[in-house]
Amino acid sequence: MLTTVEHPRLGEVTLSQSRRARRISISVRGAGDVRLSFPCGISARRAMQFLEQKIGWIEAARERLAQRRAALPSQLPPAEAKARVEELRRAARADLPGRIERLSRLTGLKYNKLTIRASRTKWGSCTTENNISLSLFLMTLPEHLRDFVIVHELCHTVHHNHSPRFHALVDRLVGGNEKALNGELKAFSIRG
């Protein structure tokens, strides 16, 4: 069941009560829209109390999204967008090879070859030959999220899938923070 409420600080908030929801959760979408999801056994009042406790987090997520939108190359005139991509490409070439080498040594996970591309569909990928491709748009992320994406791809050198064993390995290597880091990464849009 979907309803909309007007929050004094956040504006319009969509409430989604659903049988599929296992807990109360909040998502902030690309344009800053807030959705509050909660299970049928929990009242809207209780869900709103949870929302009140998370206002600071929601405002920080909206700020990150706004900064990310401001950095998107597609919102610039073509010549500026091209210059921005080239600037990111230079930064990626200077940063990512050393970063993946360091993380490969730290984790003990070996990869074959690194490619840096202007991919707007994925932050990274790993082939069955353990060749890793990273998007130059990783340079728009905070450093800890760049590391998280690289660790994720390095884990694909062991598990070429998204099985529970793969996620357990990622989670172990990021200190039990895979879910939190994934949530943080979703606040950023790679599409330009």
N, C-alpha and C. Protein backbone atom coordinates (compact mmCIF):
# COMPACT_ATOMS: atom_id res chain seq x y z
N MET A 1 0.84 -1.18 0.00
CA MET A 1 0.00 0.00 0.00
C MET A 1 0.88 1.25 0.00
N LEU A 2 0.68 2.14 -0.96
CA LEU A 2 1.47 3.36 -1.07
C LEU A 2 0.65 4.57 -0.66
N THR A 3 1.23 5.41 0.19
CA THR A 3 0.61 6.69 0.52
C THR A 3 1.70 7.74 0.55
N THR A 4 1.31 8.99 0.45
CA THR A 4 2.27 10.09 0.48
C THR A 4 1.93 11.01 1.63
N VAL A 5 2.96 11.41 2.38
CA VAL A 5 2.76 12.38 3.47
C VAL A 5 3.68 13.57 3.24
N GLU A 6 3.28 14.70 3.75
CA GLU A 6 4.10 15.92 3.65
C GLU A 6 4.84 16.07 4.97
N HIS A 7 6.18 15.96 4.91
CA HIS A 7 7.00 16.10 6.12
C HIS A 7 7.48 17.54 6.22
N PRO A 8 7.45 18.15 7.43
CA PRO A 8 7.82 19.56 7.55
C PRO A 8 9.25 19.89 7.09
N ARG A 9 10.18 18.94 7.24
CA ARG A 9 11.57 19.20 6.87
C ARG A 9 11.97 18.56 5.54
N LEU A 10 11.40 17.39 5.26
CA LEU A 10 11.82 16.61 4.09
C LEU A 10 10.94 16.81 2.88
N GLY A 11 9.77 17.41 3.07
CA GLY A 11 8.82 17.54 1.96
C GLY A 11 8.04 16.24 1.79
N GLU A 12 7.77 15.89 0.54
CA GLU A 12 6.94 14.72 0.25
C GLU A 12 7.71 13.42 0.54
N VAL A 13 7.09 12.54 1.32
CA VAL A 13 7.67 11.22 1.64
C VAL A 13 6.67 10.15 1.24
N THR A 14 7.11 9.16 0.47
CA THR A 14 6.23 8.05 0.07
C THR A 14 6.34 6.94 1.11
N LEU A 15 5.19 6.52 1.65
CA LEU A 15 5.15 5.42 2.60
C LEU A 15 4.73 4.16 1.85
N SER A 16 5.49 3.09 2.04
CA SER A 16 5.19 1.84 1.36
C SER A 16 5.12 0.72 2.40
N GLN A 17 3.87 0.31 2.71
CA GLN A 17 3.69 -0.80 3.65
C GLN A 17 3.49 -2.06 2.81
N SER A 18 4.32 -3.07 3.07
CA SER A 18 4.29 -4.23 2.19
C SER A 18 4.59 -5.52 2.95
N ARG A 19 4.00 -6.61 2.49
CA ARG A 19 4.26 -7.92 3.10
C ARG A 19 5.70 -8.37 2.85
N ARG A 20 6.28 -7.89 1.75
CA ARG A 20 7.64 -8.30 1.42
C ARG A 20 8.69 -7.64 2.31
N ALA A 21 8.35 -6.46 2.86
CA ALA A 21 9.32 -5.74 3.70
C ALA A 21 9.59 -6.55 4.97
N ARG A 22 10.87 -6.70 5.32
CA ARG A 22 11.24 -7.45 6.51
C ARG A 22 11.53 -6.51 7.68
N ARG A 23 11.81 -5.25 7.36
CA ARG A 23 12.15 -4.26 8.39
C ARG A 23 11.80 -2.88 7.86
N ILE A 24 11.93 -1.89 8.71
CA ILE A 24 11.71 -0.51 8.27
C ILE A 24 12.97 -0.07 7.53
N SER A 25 12.81 0.50 6.34
CA SER A 25 13.98 0.99 5.61
C SER A 25 13.63 2.28 4.87
N ILE A 26 14.67 3.05 4.62
CA ILE A 26 14.51 4.33 3.93
C ILE A 26 15.38 4.30 2.70
N SER A 27 14.85 4.77 1.58
CA SER A 27 15.68 4.94 0.39
C SER A 27 15.51 6.37 -0.12
N VAL A 28 16.62 6.91 -0.62
CA VAL A 28 16.60 8.24 -1.22
C VAL A 28 16.95 8.05 -2.68
N ARG A 29 16.02 8.41 -3.55
CA ARG A 29 16.20 8.19 -5.00
C ARG A 29 17.00 9.33 -5.64
N GLY A 30 17.34 9.13 -6.90
CA GLY A 30 18.18 10.07 -7.65
C GLY A 30 17.83 11.54 -7.53
N ALA A 31 16.55 11.88 -7.57
CA ALA A 31 16.15 13.29 -7.51
C ALA A 31 15.95 13.75 -6.06
N GLY A 32 16.26 12.87 -5.09
CA GLY A 32 16.11 13.23 -3.68
C GLY A 32 14.79 12.78 -3.08
N ASP A 33 13.98 12.02 -3.86
CA ASP A 33 12.70 11.51 -3.36
C ASP A 33 12.95 10.52 -2.23
N VAL A 34 12.16 10.62 -1.16
CA VAL A 34 12.32 9.74 -0.01
C VAL A 34 11.20 8.71 0.03
N ARG A 35 11.58 7.45 0.22
CA ARG A 35 10.60 6.37 0.33
C ARG A 35 10.84 5.64 1.64
N LEU A 36 9.80 5.48 2.43
CA LEU A 36 9.86 4.80 3.72
C LEU A 36 9.08 3.49 3.58
N SER A 37 9.79 2.36 3.63
CA SER A 37 9.16 1.04 3.48
C SER A 37 9.11 0.35 4.83
N PHE A 38 8.02 -0.36 5.10
CA PHE A 38 7.90 -1.06 6.38
C PHE A 38 6.93 -2.23 6.26
N PRO A 39 7.11 -3.27 7.12
CA PRO A 39 6.26 -4.46 7.07
C PRO A 39 4.84 -4.18 7.56
N CYS A 40 3.93 -5.06 7.21
CA CYS A 40 2.53 -4.91 7.59
C CYS A 40 2.33 -4.90 9.10
N GLY A 41 3.17 -5.58 9.85
CA GLY A 41 3.01 -5.66 11.30
C GLY A 41 3.43 -4.39 12.04
N ILE A 42 3.91 -3.39 11.31
CA ILE A 42 4.39 -2.15 11.95
C ILE A 42 3.48 -1.00 11.53
N SER A 43 3.13 -0.15 12.50
CA SER A 43 2.23 0.97 12.20
C SER A 43 2.98 2.08 11.46
N ALA A 44 2.22 2.89 10.72
CA ALA A 44 2.81 4.03 10.01
C ALA A 44 3.42 5.00 11.03
N ARG A 45 2.81 5.10 12.21
CA ARG A 45 3.32 5.99 13.25
C ARG A 45 4.72 5.56 13.69
N ARG A 46 4.90 4.25 13.91
CA ARG A 46 6.20 3.70 14.30
C ARG A 46 7.23 3.92 13.19
N ALA A 47 6.81 3.72 11.94
CA ALA A 47 7.71 3.93 10.80
C ALA A 47 8.13 5.40 10.72
N MET A 48 7.19 6.32 10.98
CA MET A 48 7.51 7.75 10.95
C MET A 48 8.47 8.13 12.08
N GLN A 49 8.37 7.46 13.22
CA GLN A 49 9.32 7.71 14.32
C GLN A 49 10.73 7.32 13.87
N PHE A 50 10.82 6.20 13.15
CA PHE A 50 12.10 5.75 12.61
C PHE A 50 12.64 6.81 11.64
N LEU A 51 11.76 7.32 10.77
CA LEU A 51 12.15 8.34 9.80
C LEU A 51 12.71 9.57 10.52
N GLU A 52 12.07 9.99 11.59
CA GLU A 52 12.51 11.16 12.35
C GLU A 52 13.95 10.98 12.85
N GLN A 53 14.29 9.75 13.26
CA GLN A 53 15.63 9.48 13.78
C GLN A 53 16.68 9.53 12.66
N LYS A 54 16.24 9.39 11.42
CA LYS A 54 17.17 9.29 10.29
C LYS A 54 17.23 10.55 9.43
N ILE A 55 16.66 11.66 9.91
CA ILE A 55 16.62 12.88 9.09
C ILE A 55 18.02 13.33 8.69
N GLY A 56 18.97 13.28 9.62
CA GLY A 56 20.34 13.68 9.31
C GLY A 56 20.94 12.85 8.18
N TRP A 57 20.71 11.53 8.25
CA TRP A 57 21.21 10.62 7.21
C TRP A 57 20.57 10.95 5.86
N ILE A 58 19.24 11.20 5.87
CA ILE A 58 18.51 11.50 4.63
C ILE A 58 19.05 12.78 4.01
N GLU A 59 19.25 13.80 4.82
CA GLU A 59 19.75 15.07 4.29
C GLU A 59 21.16 14.92 3.73
N ALA A 60 21.99 14.10 4.40
CA ALA A 60 23.35 13.85 3.89
C ALA A 60 23.29 13.09 2.56
N ALA A 61 22.38 12.12 2.46
CA ALA A 61 22.23 11.36 1.20
C ALA A 61 21.76 12.28 0.07
N ARG A 62 20.83 13.18 0.37
CA ARG A 62 20.36 14.14 -0.64
C ARG A 62 21.50 15.05 -1.10
N GLU A 63 22.33 15.46 -0.16
CA GLU A 63 23.47 16.32 -0.49
C GLU A 63 24.45 15.58 -1.41
N ARG A 64 24.74 14.31 -1.08
CA ARG A 64 25.63 13.51 -1.94
C ARG A 64 25.06 13.37 -3.34
N LEU A 65 23.74 13.12 -3.43
CA LEU A 65 23.09 12.99 -4.73
C LEU A 65 23.18 14.29 -5.52
N ALA A 66 22.98 15.40 -4.83
CA ALA A 66 23.05 16.72 -5.50
C ALA A 66 24.46 16.97 -6.02
N GLN A 67 25.47 16.62 -5.22
CA GLN A 67 26.86 16.80 -5.66
C GLN A 67 27.15 15.91 -6.86
N ARG A 68 26.64 14.68 -6.80
CA ARG A 68 26.86 13.73 -7.89
C ARG A 68 26.21 14.24 -9.18
N ARG A 69 24.97 14.74 -9.06
CA ARG A 69 24.28 15.29 -10.25
C ARG A 69 25.06 16.46 -10.82
N ALA A 70 25.62 17.29 -9.94
CA ALA A 70 26.38 18.45 -10.40
C ALA A 70 27.64 18.03 -11.14
N ALA A 71 28.17 16.85 -10.83
CA ALA A 71 29.41 16.38 -11.45
C ALA A 71 29.18 15.60 -12.74
N LEU A 72 27.92 15.31 -13.07
CA LEU A 72 27.66 14.48 -14.24
C LEU A 72 28.06 15.18 -15.53
N PRO A 73 28.93 14.54 -16.33
CA PRO A 73 29.39 15.15 -17.57
C PRO A 73 28.25 15.49 -18.54
N SER A 74 27.17 14.71 -18.57
CA SER A 74 26.12 14.94 -19.56
C SER A 74 25.39 16.25 -19.33
N GLN A 75 25.52 16.84 -18.14
CA GLN A 75 24.83 18.09 -17.86
C GLN A 75 25.66 19.29 -18.31
N LEU A 76 26.82 19.02 -18.85
CA LEU A 76 27.70 20.08 -19.32
C LEU A 76 27.56 20.21 -20.83
N PRO A 77 27.91 21.38 -21.39
CA PRO A 77 27.96 21.49 -22.86
C PRO A 77 28.95 20.44 -23.40
N PRO A 78 28.74 19.97 -24.63
CA PRO A 78 29.57 18.87 -25.17
C PRO A 78 31.08 19.06 -25.01
N ALA A 79 31.60 20.25 -25.30
CA ALA A 79 33.05 20.46 -25.21
C ALA A 79 33.53 20.33 -23.76
N GLU A 80 32.74 20.87 -22.83
CA GLU A 80 33.11 20.78 -21.41
C GLU A 80 32.99 19.34 -20.92
N ALA A 81 31.96 18.63 -21.39
CA ALA A 81 31.77 17.23 -20.99
C ALA A 81 32.96 16.40 -21.45
N LYS A 82 33.43 16.65 -22.67
CA LYS A 82 34.57 15.91 -23.21
C LYS A 82 35.82 16.21 -22.38
N ALA A 83 36.02 17.47 -22.05
CA ALA A 83 37.18 17.87 -21.24
C ALA A 83 37.09 17.22 -19.85
N ARG A 84 35.88 17.16 -19.29
CA ARG A 84 35.68 16.55 -17.96
C ARG A 84 36.04 15.06 -18.00
N VAL A 85 35.59 14.36 -19.06
CA VAL A 85 35.90 12.93 -19.19
C VAL A 85 37.41 12.73 -19.32
N GLU A 86 38.07 13.60 -20.08
CA GLU A 86 39.53 13.47 -20.24
C GLU A 86 40.24 13.73 -18.92
N GLU A 87 39.73 14.68 -18.16
CA GLU A 87 40.29 14.98 -16.83
C GLU A 87 40.14 13.76 -15.91
N LEU A 88 38.95 13.14 -15.95
CA LEU A 88 38.71 11.93 -15.14
C LEU A 88 39.59 10.77 -15.61
N ARG A 89 39.78 10.68 -16.94
CA ARG A 89 40.62 9.60 -17.49
C ARG A 89 42.06 9.74 -16.99
N ARG A 90 42.60 10.97 -17.01
CA ARG A 90 43.97 11.21 -16.51
C ARG A 90 44.06 10.86 -15.03
N ALA A 91 43.06 11.30 -14.27
CA ALA A 91 43.05 11.02 -12.82
C ALA A 91 42.96 9.52 -12.57
N ALA A 92 42.12 8.82 -13.36
CA ALA A 92 41.95 7.37 -13.20
C ALA A 92 43.25 6.63 -13.51
N ARG A 93 43.94 7.05 -14.58
CA ARG A 93 45.21 6.40 -14.94
C ARG A 93 46.28 6.62 -13.88
N ALA A 94 46.20 7.77 -13.21
CA ALA A 94 47.18 8.07 -12.16
C ALA A 94 46.85 7.33 -10.86
N ASP A 95 45.57 7.08 -10.61
CA ASP A 95 45.14 6.53 -9.31
C ASP A 95 44.86 5.03 -9.31
N LEU A 96 44.08 4.56 -10.27
CA LEU A 96 43.52 3.20 -10.19
C LEU A 96 44.55 2.06 -10.28
N PRO A 97 45.56 2.13 -11.18
CA PRO A 97 46.52 1.01 -11.22
C PRO A 97 47.23 0.78 -9.88
N GLY A 98 47.69 1.84 -9.24
CA GLY A 98 48.35 1.69 -7.94
C GLY A 98 47.38 1.21 -6.86
N ARG A 99 46.14 1.70 -6.93
CA ARG A 99 45.12 1.33 -5.94
C ARG A 99 44.79 -0.16 -6.04
N ILE A 100 44.61 -0.69 -7.27
CA ILE A 100 44.25 -2.11 -7.42
C ILE A 100 45.45 -2.99 -7.04
N GLU A 101 46.67 -2.52 -7.33
CA GLU A 101 47.88 -3.27 -6.95
C GLU A 101 47.95 -3.41 -5.42
N ARG A 102 47.74 -2.28 -4.73
CA ARG A 102 47.80 -2.27 -3.27
C ARG A 102 46.73 -3.18 -2.68
N LEU A 103 45.50 -3.10 -3.20
CA LEU A 103 44.41 -3.92 -2.68
C LEU A 103 44.60 -5.40 -3.02
N SER A 104 45.21 -5.67 -4.17
CA SER A 104 45.51 -7.05 -4.56
C SER A 104 46.52 -7.65 -3.57
N ARG A 105 47.54 -6.87 -3.21
CA ARG A 105 48.53 -7.34 -2.23
C ARG A 105 47.89 -7.53 -0.86
N LEU A 106 47.08 -6.55 -0.44
CA LEU A 106 46.43 -6.61 0.89
C LEU A 106 45.50 -7.80 1.03
N THR A 107 44.74 -8.09 -0.03
CA THR A 107 43.73 -9.16 0.04
C THR A 107 44.29 -10.51 -0.36
N GLY A 108 45.42 -10.50 -1.08
CA GLY A 108 45.97 -11.76 -1.59
C GLY A 108 45.23 -12.25 -2.82
N LEU A 109 44.38 -11.41 -3.41
CA LEU A 109 43.60 -11.80 -4.61
C LEU A 109 44.32 -11.28 -5.85
N LYS A 110 44.62 -12.19 -6.76
CA LYS A 110 45.41 -11.84 -7.95
C LYS A 110 44.49 -11.66 -9.17
N TYR A 111 44.79 -10.64 -9.94
CA TYR A 111 44.07 -10.42 -11.19
C TYR A 111 45.08 -10.49 -12.33
N ASN A 112 44.60 -10.60 -13.55
CA ASN A 112 45.48 -10.75 -14.70
C ASN A 112 45.88 -9.39 -15.28
N LYS A 113 44.87 -8.61 -15.71
CA LYS A 113 45.15 -7.35 -16.41
C LYS A 113 44.10 -6.32 -16.02
N LEU A 114 44.49 -5.04 -15.99
CA LEU A 114 43.56 -3.95 -15.68
C LEU A 114 43.33 -3.10 -16.92
N THR A 115 42.06 -2.78 -17.18
CA THR A 115 41.69 -1.86 -18.25
C THR A 115 40.85 -0.75 -17.63
N ILE A 116 41.08 0.49 -18.05
CA ILE A 116 40.27 1.61 -17.58
C ILE A 116 39.45 2.10 -18.75
N ARG A 117 38.12 2.12 -18.58
CA ARG A 117 37.21 2.50 -19.67
C ARG A 117 36.28 3.62 -19.22
N ALA A 118 35.62 4.23 -20.19
CA ALA A 118 34.62 5.28 -19.89
C ALA A 118 33.24 4.65 -19.76
N SER A 119 33.16 3.54 -19.04
CA SER A 119 31.90 2.82 -18.89
C SER A 119 30.93 3.61 -18.04
N ARG A 120 29.69 3.75 -18.54
CA ARG A 120 28.64 4.45 -17.78
C ARG A 120 27.59 3.46 -17.27
N THR A 121 27.80 2.18 -17.50
CA THR A 121 26.81 1.18 -17.07
C THR A 121 27.25 0.42 -15.83
N LYS A 122 28.57 0.28 -15.63
CA LYS A 122 29.08 -0.47 -14.48
C LYS A 122 30.30 0.23 -13.93
N TRP A 123 30.47 0.16 -12.60
CA TRP A 123 31.69 0.71 -11.99
C TRP A 123 32.89 -0.15 -12.34
N GLY A 124 32.66 -1.47 -12.49
CA GLY A 124 33.76 -2.37 -12.81
C GLY A 124 33.23 -3.72 -13.24
N SER A 125 34.11 -4.53 -13.80
CA SER A 125 33.74 -5.90 -14.18
C SER A 125 34.99 -6.77 -14.16
N CYS A 126 34.76 -8.08 -14.11
CA CYS A 126 35.87 -9.04 -14.09
C CYS A 126 35.51 -10.19 -15.03
N THR A 127 36.41 -10.53 -15.93
CA THR A 127 36.16 -11.61 -16.88
C THR A 127 36.54 -12.95 -16.25
N THR A 128 36.19 -14.03 -16.92
CA THR A 128 36.54 -15.37 -16.43
C THR A 128 38.07 -15.57 -16.46
N GLU A 129 38.78 -14.74 -17.27
CA GLU A 129 40.25 -14.81 -17.30
C GLU A 129 40.88 -13.92 -16.21
N ASN A 130 40.01 -13.37 -15.34
CA ASN A 130 40.45 -12.48 -14.26
C ASN A 130 41.06 -11.16 -14.74
N ASN A 131 40.57 -10.70 -15.91
CA ASN A 131 40.91 -9.35 -16.37
C ASN A 131 39.88 -8.41 -15.77
N ILE A 132 40.34 -7.36 -15.14
CA ILE A 132 39.44 -6.42 -14.49
C ILE A 132 39.37 -5.13 -15.28
N SER A 133 38.15 -4.66 -15.47
CA SER A 133 37.90 -3.38 -16.14
C SER A 133 37.27 -2.45 -15.12
N LEU A 134 37.80 -1.23 -15.02
CA LEU A 134 37.24 -0.24 -14.09
C LEU A 134 36.81 0.99 -14.87
N SER A 135 35.69 1.56 -14.45
CA SER A 135 35.19 2.78 -15.08
C SER A 135 35.98 3.98 -14.58
N LEU A 136 36.34 4.88 -15.50
CA LEU A 136 37.04 6.09 -15.08
C LEU A 136 36.14 6.97 -14.21
N PHE A 137 34.82 6.71 -14.22
CA PHE A 137 33.89 7.48 -13.38
C PHE A 137 34.01 7.10 -11.90
N LEU A 138 34.82 6.06 -11.61
CA LEU A 138 35.15 5.75 -10.21
C LEU A 138 35.79 6.96 -9.54
N MET A 139 36.43 7.81 -10.34
CA MET A 139 37.12 8.98 -9.79
C MET A 139 36.13 10.00 -9.22
N THR A 140 34.83 9.83 -9.49
CA THR A 140 33.83 10.74 -8.91
C THR A 140 33.38 10.25 -7.53
N LEU A 141 33.86 9.08 -7.13
CA LEU A 141 33.46 8.50 -5.83
C LEU A 141 34.46 8.87 -4.74
N PRO A 142 34.01 8.87 -3.49
CA PRO A 142 34.96 9.00 -2.38
C PRO A 142 35.93 7.81 -2.42
N GLU A 143 37.12 8.00 -1.89
CA GLU A 143 38.17 6.96 -1.98
C GLU A 143 37.74 5.62 -1.39
N HIS A 144 37.04 5.62 -0.26
CA HIS A 144 36.67 4.34 0.37
C HIS A 144 35.70 3.56 -0.51
N LEU A 145 34.88 4.26 -1.33
CA LEU A 145 33.98 3.54 -2.24
C LEU A 145 34.73 3.05 -3.47
N ARG A 146 35.76 3.78 -3.89
CA ARG A 146 36.62 3.28 -4.98
C ARG A 146 37.24 1.96 -4.54
N ASP A 147 37.77 1.94 -3.31
CA ASP A 147 38.38 0.72 -2.77
C ASP A 147 37.35 -0.40 -2.70
N PHE A 148 36.13 -0.08 -2.28
CA PHE A 148 35.08 -1.09 -2.16
C PHE A 148 34.78 -1.72 -3.52
N VAL A 149 34.64 -0.90 -4.56
CA VAL A 149 34.37 -1.43 -5.91
C VAL A 149 35.51 -2.34 -6.36
N ILE A 150 36.74 -1.93 -6.11
CA ILE A 150 37.90 -2.72 -6.54
C ILE A 150 37.95 -4.04 -5.77
N VAL A 151 37.70 -4.01 -4.47
CA VAL A 151 37.68 -5.26 -3.69
C VAL A 151 36.59 -6.18 -4.22
N HIS A 152 35.41 -5.61 -4.55
CA HIS A 152 34.30 -6.38 -5.13
C HIS A 152 34.78 -7.11 -6.39
N GLU A 153 35.45 -6.36 -7.28
CA GLU A 153 35.92 -6.98 -8.54
C GLU A 153 37.02 -8.01 -8.27
N LEU A 154 37.91 -7.73 -7.34
CA LEU A 154 38.95 -8.71 -7.01
C LEU A 154 38.34 -10.01 -6.47
N CYS A 155 37.24 -9.90 -5.73
CA CYS A 155 36.57 -11.10 -5.21
C CYS A 155 36.00 -11.95 -6.35
N HIS A 156 35.71 -11.31 -7.49
CA HIS A 156 35.23 -12.07 -8.66
C HIS A 156 36.34 -12.93 -9.25
N THR A 157 37.60 -12.72 -8.86
CA THR A 157 38.66 -13.60 -9.36
C THR A 157 38.57 -14.96 -8.67
N VAL A 158 37.84 -15.02 -7.55
CA VAL A 158 37.64 -16.28 -6.82
C VAL A 158 36.26 -16.85 -7.14
N HIS A 159 35.25 -16.02 -7.10
CA HIS A 159 33.86 -16.42 -7.39
C HIS A 159 33.34 -15.57 -8.54
N HIS A 160 33.16 -16.20 -9.71
CA HIS A 160 32.70 -15.45 -10.89
C HIS A 160 31.17 -15.36 -10.91
N ASN A 161 30.60 -14.94 -9.79
CA ASN A 161 29.14 -14.85 -9.66
C ASN A 161 28.84 -13.97 -8.45
N HIS A 162 27.57 -13.85 -8.11
CA HIS A 162 27.18 -13.10 -6.91
C HIS A 162 26.53 -14.05 -5.89
N SER A 163 27.18 -15.19 -5.69
CA SER A 163 26.67 -16.21 -4.77
C SER A 163 26.85 -15.77 -3.31
N PRO A 164 26.20 -16.46 -2.38
CA PRO A 164 26.43 -16.16 -0.96
C PRO A 164 27.92 -16.23 -0.57
N ARG A 165 28.65 -17.17 -1.18
CA ARG A 165 30.08 -17.30 -0.87
C ARG A 165 30.85 -16.06 -1.35
N PHE A 166 30.47 -15.54 -2.52
CA PHE A 166 31.09 -14.32 -3.04
C PHE A 166 30.84 -13.16 -2.06
N HIS A 167 29.57 -12.98 -1.68
CA HIS A 167 29.23 -11.87 -0.78
C HIS A 167 29.89 -12.03 0.60
N ALA A 168 30.03 -13.27 1.06
CA ALA A 168 30.70 -13.53 2.34
C ALA A 168 32.17 -13.10 2.27
N LEU A 169 32.80 -13.37 1.12
CA LEU A 169 34.21 -12.98 0.94
C LEU A 169 34.34 -11.46 0.91
N VAL A 170 33.48 -10.80 0.12
CA VAL A 170 33.52 -9.33 0.06
C VAL A 170 33.32 -8.76 1.46
N ASP A 171 32.29 -9.26 2.15
CA ASP A 171 31.95 -8.75 3.48
C ASP A 171 33.13 -8.91 4.44
N ARG A 172 33.80 -10.05 4.38
CA ARG A 172 34.95 -10.29 5.27
C ARG A 172 36.07 -9.30 4.97
N LEU A 173 36.31 -9.06 3.67
CA LEU A 173 37.42 -8.18 3.28
C LEU A 173 37.14 -6.70 3.53
N VAL A 174 35.87 -6.34 3.68
CA VAL A 174 35.54 -4.93 3.97
C VAL A 174 35.08 -4.77 5.42
N GLY A 175 35.53 -5.68 6.26
CA GLY A 175 35.28 -5.56 7.70
C GLY A 175 33.83 -5.68 8.11
N GLY A 176 33.06 -6.50 7.37
CA GLY A 176 31.65 -6.71 7.71
C GLY A 176 30.75 -5.57 7.28
N ASN A 177 31.24 -4.72 6.37
CA ASN A 177 30.48 -3.52 5.96
C ASN A 177 29.94 -3.57 4.53
N GLU A 178 29.87 -4.76 3.93
CA GLU A 178 29.45 -4.82 2.52
C GLU A 178 28.09 -4.17 2.31
N LYS A 179 27.11 -4.50 3.16
CA LYS A 179 25.76 -3.97 2.98
C LYS A 179 25.74 -2.44 3.08
N ALA A 180 26.41 -1.90 4.09
CA ALA A 180 26.45 -0.45 4.29
C ALA A 180 27.14 0.25 3.12
N LEU A 181 28.26 -0.32 2.66
CA LEU A 181 29.00 0.28 1.55
C LEU A 181 28.20 0.21 0.25
N ASN A 182 27.51 -0.91 0.05
CA ASN A 182 26.65 -1.05 -1.13
C ASN A 182 25.56 0.02 -1.12
N GLY A 183 24.96 0.23 0.06
CA GLY A 183 23.92 1.24 0.19
C GLY A 183 24.47 2.62 -0.12
N GLU A 184 25.68 2.89 0.36
CA GLU A 184 26.30 4.19 0.11
C GLU A 184 26.60 4.36 -1.37
N LEU A 185 27.08 3.28 -2.01
CA LEU A 185 27.41 3.34 -3.44
C LEU A 185 26.18 3.63 -4.28
N LYS A 186 25.02 3.11 -3.85
CA LYS A 186 23.78 3.32 -4.62
C LYS A 186 23.35 4.78 -4.63
N ALA A 187 23.87 5.57 -3.71
CA ALA A 187 23.54 7.01 -3.70
C ALA A 187 24.23 7.74 -4.86
N PHE A 188 25.19 7.07 -5.50
CA PHE A 188 25.90 7.66 -6.63
C PHE A 188 25.42 7.04 -7.92
N SER A 189 25.26 7.85 -8.93
CA SER A 189 24.82 7.34 -10.23
C SER A 189 26.00 7.39 -11.19
N ILE A 190 26.24 6.29 -11.86
CA ILE A 190 27.34 6.24 -12.82
C ILE A 190 26.90 6.80 -14.18
N ARG A 191 25.60 6.71 -14.47
CA ARG A 191 25.14 7.12 -15.81
C ARG A 191 25.27 8.61 -16.00
N GLY A 192 25.86 8.96 -17.12
CA GLY A 192 26.11 10.37 -17.38
C GLY A 192 25.22 10.96 -18.35
